PDB file of N, CA and C in Angstrom:
ATOM      1  N   MET A   1      -8.312 -17.746 -28.974  1.00  0.00           N
ATOM      2  CA  MET A   1      -8.705 -18.592 -27.726  1.00  0.00           C
ATOM      3  C   MET A   1      -8.407 -18.060 -26.759  1.00  0.00           C
ATOM      4  N   VAL A   2      -6.614 -17.452 -26.542  1.00  0.00           N
ATOM      5  CA  VAL A   2      -5.981 -17.492 -25.678  1.00  0.00           C
ATOM      6  C   VAL A   2      -6.517 -16.038 -24.983  1.00  0.00           C
ATOM      7  N   TYR A   3      -7.326 -14.832 -25.647  1.00  0.00           N
ATOM      8  CA  TYR A   3      -8.646 -14.088 -25.180  1.00  0.00           C
ATOM      9  C   TYR A   3      -9.606 -14.448 -24.453  1.00  0.00           C
ATOM     10  N   LEU A   4      -9.881 -14.791 -24.769  1.00  0.00           N
ATOM     11  CA  LEU A   4     -11.691 -16.105 -24.223  1.00  0.00           C
ATOM     12  C   LEU A   4      -9.803 -16.616 -23.017  1.00  0.00           C
ATOM     13  N   LYS A   5      -9.694 -17.078 -22.664  1.00  0.00           N
ATOM     14  CA  LYS A   5      -8.707 -17.592 -21.241  1.00  0.00           C
ATOM     15  C   LYS A   5      -8.918 -16.889 -20.734  1.00  0.00           C
ATOM     16  N   SER A   6      -8.363 -15.495 -21.871  1.00  0.00           N
ATOM     17  CA  SER A   6      -7.739 -14.353 -20.296  1.00  0.00           C
ATOM     18  C   SER A   6      -9.332 -12.910 -19.779  1.00  0.00           C
ATOM     19  N   ILE A   7      -9.842 -12.607 -20.780  1.00  0.00           N
ATOM     20  CA  ILE A   7     -11.419 -12.903 -19.936  1.00  0.00           C
ATOM     21  C   ILE A   7     -11.802 -14.154 -19.163  1.00  0.00           C
ATOM     22  N   LEU A   8     -11.985 -14.826 -19.185  1.00  0.00           N
ATOM     23  CA  LEU A   8     -12.268 -15.798 -18.554  1.00  0.00           C
ATOM     24  C   LEU A   8     -11.860 -15.856 -16.802  1.00  0.00           C
ATOM     25  N   ALA A   9     -10.580 -15.618 -17.763  1.00  0.00           N
ATOM     26  CA  ALA A   9      -9.505 -15.084 -15.559  1.00  0.00           C
ATOM     27  C   ALA A   9      -9.979 -14.353 -15.135  1.00  0.00           C
ATOM     28  N   GLY A  10      -9.794 -13.132 -15.452  1.00  0.00           N
ATOM     29  CA  GLY A  10     -10.134 -11.945 -15.892  1.00  0.00           C
ATOM     30  C   GLY A  10     -11.136 -11.396 -14.939  1.00  0.00           C
ATOM     31  N   VAL A  11     -12.678 -12.422 -15.708  1.00  0.00           N
ATOM     32  CA  VAL A  11     -13.770 -12.194 -14.627  1.00  0.00           C
ATOM     33  C   VAL A  11     -13.555 -12.905 -13.624  1.00  0.00           C
ATOM     34  N   ALA A  12     -13.326 -14.070 -13.333  1.00  0.00           N
ATOM     35  CA  ALA A  12     -13.055 -14.639 -12.260  1.00  0.00           C
ATOM     36  C   ALA A  12     -12.420 -13.814 -11.614  1.00  0.00           C
ATOM     37  N   THR A  13     -11.208 -13.864 -11.564  1.00  0.00           N
ATOM     38  CA  THR A  13     -11.245 -12.800 -10.533  1.00  0.00           C
ATOM     39  C   THR A  13     -11.856 -11.222  -9.957  1.00  0.00           C
ATOM     40  N   SER A  14     -11.865 -10.886 -11.375  1.00  0.00           N
ATOM     41  CA  SER A  14     -13.030  -9.559 -10.456  1.00  0.00           C
ATOM     42  C   SER A  14     -14.325 -10.533  -9.511  1.00  0.00           C
ATOM     43  N   ILE A  15     -14.733 -11.369  -9.946  1.00  0.00           N
ATOM     44  CA  ILE A  15     -15.875 -12.123  -9.227  1.00  0.00           C
ATOM     45  C   ILE A  15     -15.318 -12.520  -7.823  1.00  0.00           C
ATOM     46  N   LEU A  16     -14.124 -13.232  -7.553  1.00  0.00           N
ATOM     47  CA  LEU A  16     -14.040 -13.478  -6.281  1.00  0.00           C
ATOM     48  C   LEU A  16     -13.694 -12.709  -5.720  1.00  0.00           C
ATOM     49  N   THR A  17     -12.675 -11.097  -6.250  1.00  0.00           N
ATOM     50  CA  THR A  17     -12.237 -10.366  -5.210  1.00  0.00           C
ATOM     51  C   THR A  17     -13.344  -9.056  -4.922  1.00  0.00           C
ATOM     52  N   VAL A  18     -14.480  -9.198  -5.889  1.00  0.00           N
ATOM     53  CA  VAL A  18     -15.647  -8.140  -4.800  1.00  0.00           C
ATOM     54  C   VAL A  18     -16.563  -8.438  -3.621  1.00  0.00           C
ATOM     55  N   ILE A  19     -16.963 -10.366  -4.030  1.00  0.00           N
ATOM     56  CA  ILE A  19     -16.935 -10.592  -3.447  1.00  0.00           C
ATOM     57  C   ILE A  19     -16.515 -10.860  -1.714  1.00  0.00           C
ATOM     58  N   VAL A  20     -14.897 -11.306  -1.809  1.00  0.00           N
ATOM     59  CA  VAL A  20     -13.890 -11.142  -0.416  1.00  0.00           C
ATOM     60  C   VAL A  20     -14.430  -9.803  -0.217  1.00  0.00           C
ATOM     61  N   SER A  21     -14.107  -8.616  -0.591  1.00  0.00           N
ATOM     62  CA  SER A  21     -14.213  -6.984  -0.123  1.00  0.00           C
ATOM     63  C   SER A  21     -15.511  -7.073   0.317  1.00  0.00           C
ATOM     64  N   SER A  22     -16.733  -7.198  -0.062  1.00  0.00           N
ATOM     65  CA  SER A  22     -17.716  -7.227   0.395  1.00  0.00           C
ATOM     66  C   SER A  22     -18.316  -8.153   1.575  1.00  0.00           C
ATOM     67  N   THR A  23     -17.143  -8.466   1.819  1.00  0.00           N
ATOM     68  CA  THR A  23     -17.610  -9.877   2.748  1.00  0.00           C
ATOM     69  C   THR A  23     -16.600  -9.203   3.819  1.00  0.00           C
ATOM     70  N   ALA A  24     -15.534  -9.256   3.141  1.00  0.00           N
ATOM     71  CA  ALA A  24     -14.395  -7.931   4.852  1.00  0.00           C
ATOM     72  C   ALA A  24     -15.208  -7.006   5.567  1.00  0.00           C
ATOM     73  N   ALA A  25     -16.586  -5.902   4.448  1.00  0.00           N
ATOM     74  CA  ALA A  25     -16.396  -4.976   4.150  1.00  0.00           C
ATOM     75  C   ALA A  25     -18.074  -5.202   5.304  1.00  0.00           C
ATOM     76  N   THR A  26     -18.737  -5.532   5.399  1.00  0.00           N
ATOM     77  CA  THR A  26     -20.170  -6.616   6.587  1.00  0.00           C
ATOM     78  C   THR A  26     -19.847  -7.051   7.533  1.00  0.00           C
ATOM     79  N   ALA A  27     -18.848  -8.050   7.515  1.00  0.00           N
ATOM     80  CA  ALA A  27     -17.880  -8.742   9.071  1.00  0.00           C
ATOM     81  C   ALA A  27     -17.302  -7.349   9.469  1.00  0.00           C
ATOM     82  N   MET A  28     -16.412  -6.097   8.465  1.00  0.00           N
ATOM     83  CA  MET A  28     -16.746  -5.116  10.108  1.00  0.00           C
ATOM     84  C   MET A  28     -16.642  -4.382   9.835  1.00  0.00           C
ATOM     85  N   MET A  29     -18.858  -4.011   9.285  1.00  0.00           N
ATOM     86  CA  MET A  29     -19.700  -3.301   9.954  1.00  0.00           C
ATOM     87  C   MET A  29     -20.209  -4.331  10.718  1.00  0.00           C
ATOM     88  N   ILE A  30     -19.977  -5.015  10.935  1.00  0.00           N
ATOM     89  CA  ILE A  30     -20.693  -6.407  11.725  1.00  0.00           C
ATOM     90  C   ILE A  30     -20.423  -5.604  13.412  1.00  0.00           C
ATOM     91  N   ARG A  31     -18.827  -6.223  13.227  1.00  0.00           N
ATOM     92  CA  ARG A  31     -17.933  -7.136  14.308  1.00  0.00           C
ATOM     93  C   ARG A  31     -17.484  -5.569  15.094  1.00  0.00           C
ATOM     94  N   TYR A  32     -16.948  -4.389  14.054  1.00  0.00           N
ATOM     95  CA  TYR A  32     -16.252  -2.982  14.802  1.00  0.00           C
ATOM     96  C   TYR A  32     -17.395  -2.363  13.930  1.00  0.00           C
ATOM     97  N   PRO A  33     -18.123  -2.393  14.993  1.00  0.00           N
ATOM     98  CA  PRO A  33     -19.170  -0.505  14.396  1.00  0.00           C
ATOM     99  C   PRO A  33     -18.383   0.540  14.582  1.00  0.00           C
ATOM    100  N   GLN A  34     -17.592   1.363  15.352  1.00  0.00           N
ATOM    101  CA  GLN A  34     -16.711   2.212  15.807  1.00  0.00           C
ATOM    102  C   GLN A  34     -15.851   2.513  14.496  1.00  0.00           C
ATOM    103  N   LEU A  35     -14.696   1.176  13.724  1.00  0.00           N
ATOM    104  CA  LEU A  35     -14.162   1.866  13.093  1.00  0.00           C
ATOM    105  C   LEU A  35     -14.815   2.175  11.765  1.00  0.00           C
ATOM    106  N   ALA A  36     -16.664   1.064  11.458  1.00  0.00           N
ATOM    107  CA  ALA A  36     -16.531   1.321  10.198  1.00  0.00           C
ATOM    108  C   ALA A  36     -16.839   2.211  10.429  1.00  0.00           C
ATOM    109  N   ALA A  37     -17.374   3.378  10.796  1.00  0.00           N
ATOM    110  CA  ALA A  37     -18.255   4.867  11.682  1.00  0.00           C
ATOM    111  C   ALA A  37     -17.503   5.627  10.422  1.00  0.00           C
ATOM    112  N   ARG A  38     -15.750   5.341  11.378  1.00  0.00           N
ATOM    113  CA  ARG A  38     -14.840   6.377  11.010  1.00  0.00           C
ATOM    114  C   ARG A  38     -14.817   5.998   9.474  1.00  0.00           C
ATOM    115  N   ILE A  39     -14.548   4.525   9.239  1.00  0.00           N
ATOM    116  CA  ILE A  39     -13.821   4.303   8.182  1.00  0.00           C
ATOM    117  C   ILE A  39     -15.493   4.851   6.810  1.00  0.00           C
ATOM    118  N   PHE A  40     -15.869   3.685   6.760  1.00  0.00           N
ATOM    119  CA  PHE A  40     -17.178   4.116   6.687  1.00  0.00           C
ATOM    120  C   PHE A  40     -18.979   5.905   6.637  1.00  0.00           C
ATOM    121  N   PRO A  41     -17.885   7.080   6.555  1.00  0.00           N
ATOM    122  CA  PRO A  41     -18.736   7.160   7.260  1.00  0.00           C
ATOM    123  C   PRO A  41     -20.751   7.831   7.466  1.00  0.00           C
ATOM    124  N   ALA A  42     -20.828   8.012   8.874  1.00  0.00           N
ATOM    125  CA  ALA A  42     -22.506   7.829   8.113  1.00  0.00           C
ATOM    126  C   ALA A  42     -22.897   9.220   7.895  1.00  0.00           C
ATOM    127  N   GLN A  43     -24.377   8.923   7.257  1.00  0.00           N
ATOM    128  CA  GLN A  43     -24.577  10.544   6.816  1.00  0.00           C
ATOM    129  C   GLN A  43     -25.651  10.066   7.557  1.00  0.00           C
ATOM    130  N   HIS A  44     -26.522  11.440   8.445  1.00  0.00           N
ATOM    131  CA  HIS A  44     -27.466  11.678   8.495  1.00  0.00           C
ATOM    132  C   HIS A  44     -29.029  13.071   8.118  1.00  0.00           C
ATOM    133  N   PHE A  45     -29.757  11.576   8.156  1.00  0.00           N
ATOM    134  CA  PHE A  45     -31.186  12.629   7.031  1.00  0.00           C
ATOM    135  C   PHE A  45     -32.048  12.885   8.187  1.00  0.00           C
ATOM    136  N   ASP A  46     -32.987  14.163   8.115  1.00  0.00           N
ATOM    137  CA  ASP A  46     -33.562  14.616   8.806  1.00  0.00           C
ATOM    138  C   ASP A  46     -34.762  14.448   7.955  1.00  0.00           C
ATOM    139  N   LEU A  47     -36.814  14.187   7.981  1.00  0.00           N
ATOM    140  CA  LEU A  47     -36.790  14.141   6.656  1.00  0.00           C
ATOM    141  C   LEU A  47     -38.132  14.763   7.189  1.00  0.00           C
ATOM    142  N   GLN A  48     -37.882  15.731   8.781  1.00  0.00           N
ATOM    143  CA  GLN A  48     -39.073  16.210   9.767  1.00  0.00           C
ATOM    144  C   GLN A  48     -40.091  15.382  10.185  1.00  0.00           C
ATOM    145  N   TRP A  49     -39.862  13.771   9.614  1.00  0.00           N
ATOM    146  CA  TRP A  49     -40.788  12.889  10.324  1.00  0.00           C
ATOM    147  C   TRP A  49     -39.977  12.029  10.965  1.00  0.00           C
ATOM    148  N   GLY A  50     -39.008  12.375  11.385  1.00  0.00           N
ATOM    149  CA  GLY A  50     -37.958  12.070  12.455  1.00  0.00           C
ATOM    150  C   GLY A  50     -36.642  10.981  11.285  1.00  0.00           C
ATOM    151  N   SER A  51     -35.393  11.498  11.911  1.00  0.00           N
ATOM    152  CA  SER A  51     -33.782  11.179  11.107  1.00  0.00           C
ATOM    153  C   SER A  51     -33.899   9.533  11.133  1.00  0.00           C
ATOM    154  N   TYR A  52     -32.777   9.172  10.358  1.00  0.00           N
ATOM    155  CA  TYR A  52     -31.830   7.893  10.982  1.00  0.00           C
ATOM    156  C   TYR A  52     -30.954   8.171   9.836  1.00  0.00           C
ATOM    157  N   TYR A  53     -30.033   7.204  10.665  1.00  0.00           N
ATOM    158  CA  TYR A  53     -28.557   7.707   9.705  1.00  0.00           C
ATOM    159  C   TYR A  53     -28.443   6.459   9.217  1.00  0.00           C
ATOM    160  N   TYR A  54     -27.689   6.876   7.977  1.00  0.00           N
ATOM    161  CA  TYR A  54     -27.336   5.571   6.822  1.00  0.00           C
ATOM    162  C   TYR A  54     -25.783   5.614   6.587  1.00  0.00           C
ATOM    163  N   VAL A  55     -25.381   4.593   6.997  1.00  0.00           N
ATOM    164  CA  VAL A  55     -23.546   4.236   6.580  1.00  0.00           C
ATOM    165  C   VAL A  55     -23.699   3.770   5.426  1.00  0.00           C
ATOM    166  N   ASN A  56     -22.581   4.135   4.922  1.00  0.00           N
ATOM    167  CA  ASN A  56     -22.302   4.524   3.551  1.00  0.00           C
ATOM    168  C   ASN A  56     -21.933   3.361   2.909  1.00  0.00           C
ATOM    169  N   PHE A  57     -21.856   2.106   1.987  1.00  0.00           N
ATOM    170  CA  PHE A  57     -21.741   0.812   1.657  1.00  0.00           C
ATOM    171  C   PHE A  57     -20.614   0.564   1.269  1.00  0.00           C
ATOM    172  N   PRO A  58     -19.300   1.145   0.802  1.00  0.00           N
ATOM    173  CA  PRO A  58     -18.251   1.046  -0.144  1.00  0.00           C
ATOM    174  C   PRO A  58     -18.513   0.263  -1.982  1.00  0.00           C
ATOM    175  N   LEU A  59     -19.555   1.120  -2.549  1.00  0.00           N
ATOM    176  CA  LEU A  59     -19.676   0.278  -3.315  1.00  0.00           C
ATOM    177  C   LEU A  59     -18.845   0.354  -4.578  1.00  0.00           C
ATOM    178  N   TRP A  60     -18.758   2.239  -4.742  1.00  0.00           N
ATOM    179  CA  TRP A  60     -17.446   2.304  -6.229  1.00  0.00           C
ATOM    180  C   TRP A  60     -16.419   1.643  -6.013  1.00  0.00           C
ATOM    181  N   GLN A  61     -15.864   1.898  -4.332  1.00  0.00           N
ATOM    182  CA  GLN A  61     -14.145   1.405  -3.964  1.00  0.00           C
ATOM    183  C   GLN A  61     -14.176   0.163  -3.982  1.00  0.00           C
ATOM    184  N   ILE A  62     -15.703  -1.139  -4.134  1.00  0.00           N
ATOM    185  CA  ILE A  62     -14.954  -2.436  -3.919  1.00  0.00           C
ATOM    186  C   ILE A  62     -15.622  -2.466  -5.329  1.00  0.00           C
ATOM    187  N   VAL A  63     -16.635  -1.806  -6.106  1.00  0.00           N
ATOM    188  CA  VAL A  63     -15.993  -1.394  -7.839  1.00  0.00           C
ATOM    189  C   VAL A  63     -15.229  -1.441  -8.556  1.00  0.00           C
ATOM    190  N   ALA A  64     -13.871  -0.417  -7.854  1.00  0.00           N
ATOM    191  CA  ALA A  64     -12.784  -0.265  -8.373  1.00  0.00           C
ATOM    192  C   ALA A  64     -11.605  -1.417  -8.172  1.00  0.00           C
ATOM    193  N   VAL A  65     -11.879  -1.950  -7.048  1.00  0.00           N
ATOM    194  CA  VAL A  65     -10.760  -2.637  -6.937  1.00  0.00           C
ATOM    195  C   VAL A  65     -11.242  -3.868  -8.142  1.00  0.00           C
ATOM    196  N   GLY A  66     -12.097  -4.167  -8.178  1.00  0.00           N
ATOM    197  CA  GLY A  66     -12.523  -5.578  -9.117  1.00  0.00           C
ATOM    198  C   GLY A  66     -12.665  -5.275 -10.719  1.00  0.00           C
ATOM    199  N   ILE A  67     -12.880  -3.479 -11.166  1.00  0.00           N
ATOM    200  CA  ILE A  67     -11.962  -3.823 -12.075  1.00  0.00           C
ATOM    201  C   ILE A  67     -10.104  -3.949 -12.285  1.00  0.00           C
ATOM    202  N   ILE A  68      -9.862  -3.426 -10.580  1.00  0.00           N
ATOM    203  CA  ILE A  68      -8.507  -4.232 -11.656  1.00  0.00           C
ATOM    204  C   ILE A  68      -7.367  -5.514 -10.667  1.00  0.00           C
ATOM    205  N   ALA A  69      -8.571  -6.121 -10.047  1.00  0.00           N
ATOM    206  CA  ALA A  69      -8.378  -7.412 -10.382  1.00  0.00           C
ATOM    207  C   ALA A  69      -8.465  -7.967 -12.034  1.00  0.00           C
ATOM    208  N   PHE A  70      -9.520  -7.865 -12.587  1.00  0.00           N
ATOM    209  CA  PHE A  70      -9.911  -7.999 -13.466  1.00  0.00           C
ATOM    210  C   PHE A  70      -8.988  -7.612 -15.094  1.00  0.00           C
ATOM    211  N   VAL A  71      -8.292  -6.539 -14.581  1.00  0.00           N
ATOM    212  CA  VAL A  71      -6.498  -6.233 -15.600  1.00  0.00           C
ATOM    213  C   VAL A  71      -6.159  -6.693 -14.863  1.00  0.00           C
ATOM    214  N   ILE A  72      -5.357  -6.873 -13.835  1.00  0.00           N
ATOM    215  CA  ILE A  72      -4.593  -7.726 -13.743  1.00  0.00           C
ATOM    216  C   ILE A  72      -4.609  -9.308 -13.827  1.00  0.00           C
ATOM    217  N   GLY A  73      -5.842 -10.441 -14.390  1.00  0.00           N
ATOM    218  CA  GLY A  73      -6.416 -11.163 -14.129  1.00  0.00           C
ATOM    219  C   GLY A  73      -5.607 -11.861 -15.677  1.00  0.00           C
ATOM    220  N   PHE A  74      -6.035 -10.468 -15.910  1.00  0.00           N
ATOM    221  CA  PHE A  74      -6.131 -10.152 -18.030  1.00  0.00           C
ATOM    222  C   PHE A  74      -4.715 -10.188 -18.327  1.00  0.00           C
ATOM    223  N   VAL A  75      -4.518  -9.689 -17.818  1.00  0.00           N
ATOM    224  CA  VAL A  75      -2.551  -8.952 -18.702  1.00  0.00           C
ATOM    225  C   VAL A  75      -1.991 -10.980 -17.712  1.00  0.00           C
ATOM    226  N   TRP A  76      -2.248 -10.627 -17.065  1.00  0.00           N
ATOM    227  CA  TRP A  76      -1.191 -12.385 -16.255  1.00  0.00           C
ATOM    228  C   TRP A  76      -1.606 -13.221 -16.773  1.00  0.00           C
ATOM    229  N   THR A  77      -2.401 -13.659 -17.110  1.00  0.00           N
ATOM    230  CA  THR A  77      -3.255 -15.000 -18.372  1.00  0.00           C
ATOM    231  C   THR A  77      -3.091 -14.782 -19.728  1.00  0.00           C
ATOM    232  N   LEU A  78      -3.042 -13.394 -20.265  1.00  0.00           N
ATOM    233  CA  LEU A  78      -2.377 -13.316 -21.906  1.00  0.00           C
ATOM    234  C   LEU A  78      -1.366 -13.513 -22.432  1.00  0.00           C
ATOM    235  N   ARG A  79      -0.125 -13.168 -20.840  1.00  0.00           N
ATOM    236  CA  ARG A  79       1.256 -12.949 -20.861  1.00  0.00           C
ATOM    237  C   ARG A  79       1.662 -14.641 -20.517  1.00  0.00           C
TER     238      ARG A  79
END
């Protein structure tokens, strides 16, 4: 029962952290585009039909923060 409770606490903290981090990154991209361009570099693609810029959303960084939050929530509840 303790392990189940610890896993549920870890999942809850992970989901909450990923949602908050994604919301903060999106809000920063919308409100402060110059700052977002420095933090999240844009990539220039040219396909000979036209070119466009693609802002790289920090997905793997947010997932890494979510995994760390899961571990912290799991260990904290396990003790």
